[in-house]
Amino acid sequence: MRFDQHTVVLLARPADAPELPQDAIDRLQDAHLAHQAGLVQQGLVLAAGPFLHPDDEQLRGFVVLSIAPDEARALFANDPAVRAGHLVARVTTWLLPEGNLRFESVPVPQSMLEAAAGD
């Protein structure tokens, strides 16, 4: 059997994340979304999105990329939320049977305002 190989980034809130006022969190989230939208525009992100109601409350989001794990580590080290200590990026390789999953190009929100606007 043949396998497709993708790089996955799990974004998690560290136990020692800094306490920030809500306006700072909102600005940081907007900067995080803009960073991720830039990666999408470069064709590096295949899929991305937040988790809702995870068993592990620290888990925040999931990103599937078309690049090597070391490249993903470098890109997410520059994510504003990661740099601020608000998120950590856990990087791994994901194998699945070849052709099992297809990714479509869809727009992603570049800010919280855009995400909240719906369609």
C-alpha atoms as a PDB file:
ATOM      1  CA  MET A   1       0.000   0.000   0.000  1.00  0.00           C
ATOM      2  CA  ARG A   2       1.166   3.509  -0.770  1.00  0.00           C
ATOM      3  CA  PHE A   3       0.786   6.410   1.641  1.00  0.00           C
ATOM      4  CA  ASP A   4       0.440  10.163   1.342  1.00  0.00           C
ATOM      5  CA  GLN A   5       2.575  12.078   3.791  1.00  0.00           C
ATOM      6  CA  HIS A   6       1.542  15.429   5.252  1.00  0.00           C
ATOM      7  CA  THR A   7       2.961  17.632   7.965  1.00  0.00           C
ATOM      8  CA  VAL A   8       0.546  18.375  10.793  1.00  0.00           C
ATOM      9  CA  VAL A   9       0.820  21.178  13.326  1.00  0.00           C
ATOM     10  CA  LEU A  10      -1.218  20.924  16.512  1.00  0.00           C
ATOM     11  CA  LEU A  11      -1.578  24.318  18.121  1.00  0.00           C
ATOM     12  CA  ALA A  12      -1.931  24.182  21.890  1.00  0.00           C
ATOM     13  CA  ARG A  13      -2.178  26.650  24.753  1.00  0.00           C
ATOM     14  CA  PRO A  14       0.795  26.108  27.070  1.00  0.00           C
ATOM     15  CA  ALA A  15       0.133  25.726  30.787  1.00  0.00           C
ATOM     16  CA  ASP A  16       2.309  28.783  31.427  1.00  0.00           C
ATOM     17  CA  ALA A  17       0.734  31.047  28.779  1.00  0.00           C
ATOM     18  CA  PRO A  18       0.935  34.706  29.787  1.00  0.00           C
ATOM     19  CA  GLU A  19      -2.185  36.339  31.197  1.00  0.00           C
ATOM     20  CA  LEU A  20      -3.247  39.051  28.759  1.00  0.00           C
ATOM     21  CA  PRO A  21      -6.108  41.563  28.695  1.00  0.00           C
ATOM     22  CA  GLN A  22      -8.867  40.710  26.208  1.00  0.00           C
ATOM     23  CA  ASP A  23      -7.915  43.475  23.771  1.00  0.00           C
ATOM     24  CA  ALA A  24      -4.349  42.102  23.601  1.00  0.00           C
ATOM     25  CA  ILE A  25      -5.694  38.566  23.058  1.00  0.00           C
ATOM     26  CA  ASP A  26      -7.923  39.868  20.237  1.00  0.00           C
ATOM     27  CA  ARG A  27      -4.983  41.624  18.543  1.00  0.00           C
ATOM     28  CA  LEU A  28      -2.828  38.528  18.931  1.00  0.00           C
ATOM     29  CA  GLN A  29      -5.550  36.314  17.439  1.00  0.00           C
ATOM     30  CA  ASP A  30      -5.904  38.672  14.472  1.00  0.00           C
ATOM     31  CA  ALA A  31      -2.131  38.583  13.937  1.00  0.00           C
ATOM     32  CA  HIS A  32      -2.179  34.759  14.187  1.00  0.00           C
ATOM     33  CA  LEU A  33      -4.979  34.515  11.597  1.00  0.00           C
ATOM     34  CA  ALA A  34      -3.195  36.937   9.266  1.00  0.00           C
ATOM     35  CA  HIS A  35       0.006  34.884   9.570  1.00  0.00           C
ATOM     36  CA  GLN A  36      -1.857  31.693   8.773  1.00  0.00           C
ATOM     37  CA  ALA A  37      -3.707  33.332   5.847  1.00  0.00           C
ATOM     38  CA  GLY A  38      -0.314  34.312   4.450  1.00  0.00           C
ATOM     39  CA  LEU A  39       0.769  30.660   4.570  1.00  0.00           C
ATOM     40  CA  VAL A  40      -2.437  29.694   2.769  1.00  0.00           C
ATOM     41  CA  GLN A  41      -1.804  32.330   0.082  1.00  0.00           C
ATOM     42  CA  GLN A  42       1.672  30.851  -0.423  1.00  0.00           C
ATOM     43  CA  GLY A  43       0.073  27.459  -1.057  1.00  0.00           C
ATOM     44  CA  LEU A  44       1.651  25.851   2.018  1.00  0.00           C
ATOM     45  CA  VAL A  45      -1.501  25.104   4.038  1.00  0.00           C
ATOM     46  CA  LEU A  46      -3.837  22.347   2.873  1.00  0.00           C
ATOM     47  CA  ALA A  47      -6.336  22.665   5.728  1.00  0.00           C
ATOM     48  CA  ALA A  48      -6.569  24.522   9.029  1.00  0.00           C
ATOM     49  CA  GLY A  49      -9.070  25.286  11.724  1.00  0.00           C
ATOM     50  CA  PRO A  50      -9.800  25.491  15.434  1.00  0.00           C
ATOM     51  CA  PHE A  51     -10.973  22.682  17.692  1.00  0.00           C
ATOM     52  CA  LEU A  52     -14.280  22.932  19.538  1.00  0.00           C
ATOM     53  CA  HIS A  53     -14.810  21.113  22.842  1.00  0.00           C
ATOM     54  CA  PRO A  54     -11.579  19.054  22.818  1.00  0.00           C
ATOM     55  CA  ASP A  55     -10.983  16.496  25.578  1.00  0.00           C
ATOM     56  CA  ASP A  56      -7.615  18.194  26.083  1.00  0.00           C
ATOM     57  CA  GLU A  57      -8.493  21.837  26.857  1.00  0.00           C
ATOM     58  CA  GLN A  58      -5.028  22.953  25.755  1.00  0.00           C
ATOM     59  CA  LEU A  59      -5.616  21.904  22.123  1.00  0.00           C
ATOM     60  CA  ARG A  60      -6.634  24.909  20.033  1.00  0.00           C
ATOM     61  CA  GLY A  61      -6.154  24.140  16.344  1.00  0.00           C
ATOM     62  CA  PHE A  62      -4.973  21.819  13.614  1.00  0.00           C
ATOM     63  CA  VAL A  63      -3.032  22.674  10.446  1.00  0.00           C
ATOM     64  CA  VAL A  64      -2.142  20.321   7.580  1.00  0.00           C
ATOM     65  CA  LEU A  65       0.741  21.500   5.405  1.00  0.00           C
ATOM     66  CA  SER A  66       2.400  20.492   2.150  1.00  0.00           C
ATOM     67  CA  ILE A  67       5.938  21.092   3.452  1.00  0.00           C
ATOM     68  CA  ALA A  68       8.546  19.215   5.494  1.00  0.00           C
ATOM     69  CA  PRO A  69       8.252  19.219   9.308  1.00  0.00           C
ATOM     70  CA  ASP A  70      11.398  21.341   9.747  1.00  0.00           C
ATOM     71  CA  GLU A  71       9.977  23.996   7.426  1.00  0.00           C
ATOM     72  CA  ALA A  72       6.695  23.974   9.377  1.00  0.00           C
ATOM     73  CA  ARG A  73       8.576  24.398  12.661  1.00  0.00           C
ATOM     74  CA  ALA A  74      10.388  27.431  11.260  1.00  0.00           C
ATOM     75  CA  LEU A  75       7.191  29.003   9.885  1.00  0.00           C
ATOM     76  CA  PHE A  76       5.206  28.485  13.074  1.00  0.00           C
ATOM     77  CA  ALA A  77       8.075  29.777  15.224  1.00  0.00           C
ATOM     78  CA  ASN A  78       7.250  33.091  13.517  1.00  0.00           C
ATOM     79  CA  ASP A  79       3.515  32.898  14.250  1.00  0.00           C
ATOM     80  CA  PRO A  80       2.766  35.922  16.468  1.00  0.00           C
ATOM     81  CA  ALA A  81       0.761  33.822  18.964  1.00  0.00           C
ATOM     82  CA  VAL A  82       3.630  31.320  19.242  1.00  0.00           C
ATOM     83  CA  ARG A  83       6.225  34.097  19.634  1.00  0.00           C
ATOM     84  CA  ALA A  84       4.090  35.621  22.411  1.00  0.00           C
ATOM     85  CA  GLY A  85       3.888  32.297  24.271  1.00  0.00           C
ATOM     86  CA  HIS A  86       0.108  32.181  23.810  1.00  0.00           C
ATOM     87  CA  LEU A  87       0.354  29.027  21.657  1.00  0.00           C
ATOM     88  CA  VAL A  88       2.890  26.267  21.079  1.00  0.00           C
ATOM     89  CA  ALA A  89       3.216  24.422  17.779  1.00  0.00           C
ATOM     90  CA  ARG A  90       3.572  20.642  17.988  1.00  0.00           C
ATOM     91  CA  VAL A  91       4.739  19.306  14.621  1.00  0.00           C
ATOM     92  CA  THR A  92       4.486  15.745  13.325  1.00  0.00           C
ATOM     93  CA  THR A  93       4.157  13.751  10.112  1.00  0.00           C
ATOM     94  CA  TRP A  94       0.795  12.194   9.232  1.00  0.00           C
ATOM     95  CA  LEU A  95       0.542   9.156   6.957  1.00  0.00           C
ATOM     96  CA  LEU A  96      -2.700   8.037   5.364  1.00  0.00           C
ATOM     97  CA  PRO A  97      -3.509   5.694   2.484  1.00  0.00           C
ATOM     98  CA  GLU A  98      -2.749   7.346  -0.833  1.00  0.00           C
ATOM     99  CA  GLY A  99      -5.721   9.232  -2.253  1.00  0.00           C
ATOM    100  CA  ASN A 100      -7.762   8.778   0.930  1.00  0.00           C
ATOM    101  CA  LEU A 101      -8.140  12.511   1.470  1.00  0.00           C
ATOM    102  CA  ARG A 102      -8.418  15.403  -0.966  1.00  0.00           C
ATOM    103  CA  PHE A 103      -7.951  19.058  -0.110  1.00  0.00           C
ATOM    104  CA  GLU A 104      -9.787  21.900  -1.846  1.00  0.00           C
ATOM    105  CA  SER A 105      -8.656  25.493  -1.981  1.00  0.00           C
ATOM    106  CA  VAL A 106     -11.010  27.629   0.099  1.00  0.00           C
ATOM    107  CA  PRO A 107     -10.599  31.094   1.618  1.00  0.00           C
ATOM    108  CA  VAL A 108      -9.599  31.398   5.259  1.00  0.00           C
ATOM    109  CA  PRO A 109     -10.350  34.274   7.628  1.00  0.00           C
ATOM    110  CA  GLN A 110      -7.624  36.855   8.026  1.00  0.00           C
ATOM    111  CA  SER A 111      -9.067  38.329  11.241  1.00  0.00           C
ATOM    112  CA  MET A 112     -11.545  37.595  14.024  1.00  0.00           C
ATOM    113  CA  LEU A 113     -13.957  40.104  12.464  1.00  0.00           C
ATOM    114  CA  GLU A 114     -13.890  38.221   9.174  1.00  0.00           C
ATOM    115  CA  ALA A 115     -14.301  34.856  10.961  1.00  0.00           C
ATOM    116  CA  ALA A 116     -17.281  36.168  12.957  1.00  0.00           C
ATOM    117  CA  ALA A 117     -18.960  37.537   9.832  1.00  0.00           C
ATOM    118  CA  GLY A 118     -19.764  34.020   8.615  1.00  0.00           C
ATOM    119  CA  ASP A 119     -20.282  33.796   4.883  1.00  0.00           C
END
